[in-house]
């Protein structure tokens, strides 16, 4: 069982930065791929980024590549998302996610997620 709690969302002007954090509880954190999804009003939840168990491998959606950076600290059971050069279209609720099983090295689909956080709002004003 993994419980995820996000923090760090808020309101920022276009071009600004925010850092999201996700604190995980449960003994399986270090054995789980982790990642972030987001959901804007009226839209489906979309993949943002994920990171492998070791932190060596990462994957980003094209829309955030080069602007966002995911990292994890297995000693502290945390995963972070540094978001730079934010755009109004980045406005969404951001969800921390943990892979469904240790066999998932990295994920891009909600179907591969076993645990979700409650979400944190990110609003980028123009």
Foldseek 3Di string as FASTA:
>chain_A
DKAKAKDWADEEAAQAKTKMKIAMDDPCLLLWKKAKWWDDPPGDIFGAKIAFSVRPDIDGDPVQPPFKDWGDDPVRRMIMIIGGRDDQVVWTWMKMFIACGSVDGIDGDPVRTNDIYPTDTHGYHD
